[in-house]
Every structure is written in C-alpha cells, then in structure tokens.
Amino acid sequence: MQLISTRKYSFIAVESLAECQACGSLFRGAENEFVLHMHSDEAADEERLIWLDSRAALLWINQTRDEYGMNWE
C-alpha cells in the first residue's frame, strides 16, 4: 500500500462540546482500489476503514475544508 494523502482537522464533539482532532489518510492498494483510514482523538477505540474507487478517492482529495470528515457519517 502507498500513502497518497493525509489531513488533520478540528471538529466539535457533540457530547462534550470540546474541540477534538481527527485524521484521515488515503492509501492506494491495487489499481482503482483505495482505502481511507479515519480516526479521531475523541473516541480512541473507534477507527474506520472505507474502501473507495478512483472517483471517490479524487472527490475525497478535492474536498474543501468545510467538507472534511464528511465520510465519517
């Protein structure tokens, strides 16, 4: 796997209303196969792996700052 892009961003936790940090890293596996790894410091035990195709990976790379973290839902 090859690391393509990573980003860190702040968000406000719903329950505590505290500012937290999250990180998303995009990895390329095989041709037209990408993995998005997401985790936050709010819930240390919660991480997500999301499989993406080329189109979805490009959309993730080109997100604006207001859209960061939208894949968490």
N, C-alpha and C. Protein backbone atom coordinates (compact mmCIF):
# COMPACT_ATOMS: atom_id res chain seq x y z
N MET A 1 0.84 -1.18 0.00
CA MET A 1 0.00 0.00 0.00
C MET A 1 0.88 1.24 0.00
N GLN A 2 0.37 2.26 -0.65
CA GLN A 2 1.10 3.51 -0.78
C GLN A 2 0.25 4.64 -0.22
N LEU A 3 0.83 5.46 0.66
CA LEU A 3 0.13 6.61 1.21
C LEU A 3 0.02 7.68 0.14
N ILE A 4 -1.20 8.12 -0.14
CA ILE A 4 -1.45 9.15 -1.15
C ILE A 4 -1.60 10.52 -0.51
N SER A 5 -2.42 10.62 0.53
CA SER A 5 -2.69 11.91 1.14
C SER A 5 -3.13 11.72 2.58
N THR A 6 -2.88 12.71 3.39
CA THR A 6 -3.34 12.69 4.78
C THR A 6 -3.76 14.10 5.16
N ARG A 7 -4.72 14.19 6.05
CA ARG A 7 -5.14 15.51 6.53
C ARG A 7 -5.62 15.40 7.98
N LYS A 8 -5.37 16.46 8.72
CA LYS A 8 -5.86 16.58 10.09
C LYS A 8 -6.79 17.77 10.14
N TYR A 9 -7.84 17.64 10.92
CA TYR A 9 -8.81 18.72 11.02
C TYR A 9 -9.46 18.71 12.39
N SER A 10 -9.96 19.86 12.78
CA SER A 10 -10.62 20.03 14.07
C SER A 10 -12.12 19.90 13.90
N PHE A 11 -12.78 19.44 14.95
CA PHE A 11 -14.24 19.39 14.98
C PHE A 11 -14.69 19.52 16.42
N ILE A 12 -15.95 19.82 16.62
CA ILE A 12 -16.51 19.93 17.97
C ILE A 12 -17.29 18.67 18.27
N ALA A 13 -16.93 18.02 19.37
CA ALA A 13 -17.61 16.79 19.79
C ALA A 13 -19.03 17.11 20.23
N VAL A 14 -19.96 16.29 19.82
CA VAL A 14 -21.38 16.54 20.11
C VAL A 14 -21.68 16.44 21.60
N GLU A 15 -21.16 15.42 22.27
CA GLU A 15 -21.50 15.21 23.68
C GLU A 15 -20.79 16.17 24.63
N SER A 16 -19.50 16.40 24.41
CA SER A 16 -18.74 17.21 25.36
C SER A 16 -18.59 18.67 24.93
N LEU A 17 -18.90 18.98 23.69
CA LEU A 17 -18.72 20.31 23.10
C LEU A 17 -17.27 20.79 23.17
N ALA A 18 -16.35 19.84 23.23
CA ALA A 18 -14.93 20.15 23.26
C ALA A 18 -14.36 20.05 21.84
N GLU A 19 -13.34 20.83 21.58
CA GLU A 19 -12.68 20.74 20.27
C GLU A 19 -11.78 19.51 20.24
N CYS A 20 -11.94 18.71 19.20
CA CYS A 20 -11.16 17.48 19.04
C CYS A 20 -10.45 17.49 17.70
N GLN A 21 -9.52 16.59 17.55
CA GLN A 21 -8.77 16.44 16.30
C GLN A 21 -9.10 15.09 15.66
N ALA A 22 -9.17 15.09 14.34
CA ALA A 22 -9.39 13.86 13.58
C ALA A 22 -8.34 13.80 12.48
N CYS A 23 -8.11 12.60 11.99
CA CYS A 23 -7.12 12.40 10.94
C CYS A 23 -7.69 11.43 9.91
N GLY A 24 -7.47 11.75 8.64
CA GLY A 24 -7.86 10.86 7.56
C GLY A 24 -6.66 10.62 6.67
N SER A 25 -6.41 9.36 6.32
CA SER A 25 -5.29 9.01 5.46
C SER A 25 -5.80 8.17 4.31
N LEU A 26 -5.41 8.52 3.10
CA LEU A 26 -5.83 7.80 1.91
C LEU A 26 -4.67 6.97 1.40
N PHE A 27 -4.90 5.67 1.25
CA PHE A 27 -3.88 4.74 0.76
C PHE A 27 -4.34 4.13 -0.55
N ARG A 28 -3.38 3.88 -1.43
CA ARG A 28 -3.69 3.20 -2.68
C ARG A 28 -3.25 1.75 -2.55
N GLY A 29 -4.18 0.84 -2.83
CA GLY A 29 -3.88 -0.58 -2.79
C GLY A 29 -3.48 -1.05 -4.18
N ALA A 30 -4.43 -1.58 -4.90
CA ALA A 30 -4.21 -2.02 -6.27
C ALA A 30 -4.76 -0.97 -7.22
N GLU A 31 -4.78 -1.28 -8.50
CA GLU A 31 -5.32 -0.36 -9.49
C GLU A 31 -6.80 -0.13 -9.22
N ASN A 32 -7.20 1.14 -9.17
CA ASN A 32 -8.58 1.56 -8.92
C ASN A 32 -9.10 1.07 -7.56
N GLU A 33 -8.23 0.94 -6.58
CA GLU A 33 -8.64 0.49 -5.25
C GLU A 33 -7.92 1.34 -4.20
N PHE A 34 -8.69 2.03 -3.38
CA PHE A 34 -8.15 2.92 -2.36
C PHE A 34 -8.79 2.60 -1.02
N VAL A 35 -8.07 2.88 0.05
CA VAL A 35 -8.57 2.68 1.41
C VAL A 35 -8.41 4.00 2.16
N LEU A 36 -9.51 4.46 2.76
CA LEU A 36 -9.49 5.66 3.59
C LEU A 36 -9.52 5.22 5.05
N HIS A 37 -8.48 5.57 5.80
CA HIS A 37 -8.39 5.25 7.23
C HIS A 37 -8.71 6.53 8.00
N MET A 38 -9.72 6.48 8.85
CA MET A 38 -10.13 7.65 9.62
C MET A 38 -10.14 7.32 11.11
N HIS A 39 -9.66 8.26 11.92
CA HIS A 39 -9.72 8.11 13.38
C HIS A 39 -9.71 9.49 14.02
N SER A 40 -10.20 9.55 15.26
CA SER A 40 -10.22 10.81 15.98
C SER A 40 -9.69 10.60 17.39
N ASP A 41 -9.33 11.69 18.06
CA ASP A 41 -8.86 11.58 19.44
C ASP A 41 -10.02 11.59 20.43
N GLU A 42 -11.24 11.82 19.94
CA GLU A 42 -12.41 11.80 20.82
C GLU A 42 -12.71 10.38 21.28
N ALA A 43 -12.75 9.47 20.35
CA ALA A 43 -13.01 8.06 20.66
C ALA A 43 -11.79 7.27 20.21
N ALA A 44 -10.86 7.06 21.12
CA ALA A 44 -9.59 6.42 20.77
C ALA A 44 -9.77 5.01 20.23
N ASP A 45 -10.84 4.36 20.63
CA ASP A 45 -11.05 2.98 20.19
C ASP A 45 -11.84 2.89 18.87
N GLU A 46 -12.25 4.02 18.32
CA GLU A 46 -13.04 3.99 17.09
C GLU A 46 -12.21 4.46 15.90
N GLU A 47 -12.03 3.55 14.96
CA GLU A 47 -11.36 3.84 13.70
C GLU A 47 -12.22 3.29 12.59
N ARG A 48 -12.08 3.85 11.40
CA ARG A 48 -12.86 3.36 10.27
C ARG A 48 -11.96 3.17 9.06
N LEU A 49 -12.24 2.09 8.34
CA LEU A 49 -11.62 1.83 7.05
C LEU A 49 -12.73 1.84 6.02
N ILE A 50 -12.56 2.66 5.00
CA ILE A 50 -13.57 2.79 3.96
C ILE A 50 -12.90 2.51 2.62
N TRP A 51 -13.42 1.53 1.88
CA TRP A 51 -12.88 1.21 0.56
C TRP A 51 -13.48 2.17 -0.45
N LEU A 52 -12.62 2.78 -1.29
CA LEU A 52 -13.06 3.75 -2.28
C LEU A 52 -12.56 3.34 -3.68
N ASP A 53 -13.33 3.73 -4.70
CA ASP A 53 -12.84 3.58 -6.06
C ASP A 53 -12.12 4.87 -6.45
N SER A 54 -11.63 4.95 -7.67
CA SER A 54 -10.85 6.12 -8.10
C SER A 54 -11.64 7.41 -8.01
N ARG A 55 -12.89 7.37 -8.43
CA ARG A 55 -13.73 8.58 -8.41
C ARG A 55 -13.92 9.09 -6.99
N ALA A 56 -14.28 8.20 -6.07
CA ALA A 56 -14.50 8.60 -4.68
C ALA A 56 -13.20 9.10 -4.03
N ALA A 57 -12.07 8.50 -4.39
CA ALA A 57 -10.79 8.94 -3.86
C ALA A 57 -10.46 10.36 -4.34
N LEU A 58 -10.71 10.65 -5.60
CA LEU A 58 -10.49 12.00 -6.12
C LEU A 58 -11.40 13.02 -5.45
N LEU A 59 -12.65 12.63 -5.20
CA LEU A 59 -13.56 13.53 -4.50
C LEU A 59 -13.05 13.82 -3.10
N TRP A 60 -12.52 12.81 -2.41
CA TRP A 60 -12.00 13.00 -1.05
C TRP A 60 -10.80 13.95 -1.08
N ILE A 61 -9.90 13.75 -2.04
CA ILE A 61 -8.71 14.59 -2.14
C ILE A 61 -9.09 16.05 -2.38
N ASN A 62 -10.14 16.28 -3.16
CA ASN A 62 -10.53 17.64 -3.56
C ASN A 62 -11.58 18.28 -2.66
N GLN A 63 -11.86 17.70 -1.51
CA GLN A 63 -12.82 18.29 -0.59
C GLN A 63 -12.32 19.64 -0.08
N THR A 64 -13.27 20.54 0.16
CA THR A 64 -12.93 21.82 0.78
C THR A 64 -12.83 21.63 2.30
N ARG A 65 -12.28 22.61 2.99
CA ARG A 65 -12.13 22.50 4.45
C ARG A 65 -13.47 22.28 5.16
N ASP A 66 -14.54 22.84 4.62
CA ASP A 66 -15.86 22.67 5.22
C ASP A 66 -16.39 21.25 5.07
N GLU A 67 -15.87 20.49 4.13
CA GLU A 67 -16.34 19.13 3.88
C GLU A 67 -15.50 18.06 4.56
N TYR A 68 -14.39 18.44 5.20
CA TYR A 68 -13.53 17.45 5.86
C TYR A 68 -14.34 16.66 6.88
N GLY A 69 -14.15 15.35 6.89
CA GLY A 69 -14.83 14.49 7.84
C GLY A 69 -16.20 14.01 7.40
N MET A 70 -16.66 14.41 6.23
CA MET A 70 -17.99 14.01 5.77
C MET A 70 -18.09 12.51 5.55
N ASN A 71 -16.98 11.80 5.32
CA ASN A 71 -17.00 10.36 5.12
C ASN A 71 -17.20 9.60 6.43
N TRP A 72 -17.14 10.30 7.55
CA TRP A 72 -17.29 9.64 8.85
C TRP A 72 -18.72 9.18 9.08
N GLU A 73 -19.68 9.86 8.50
CA GLU A 73 -21.09 9.56 8.73
C GLU A 73 -21.47 8.20 8.22
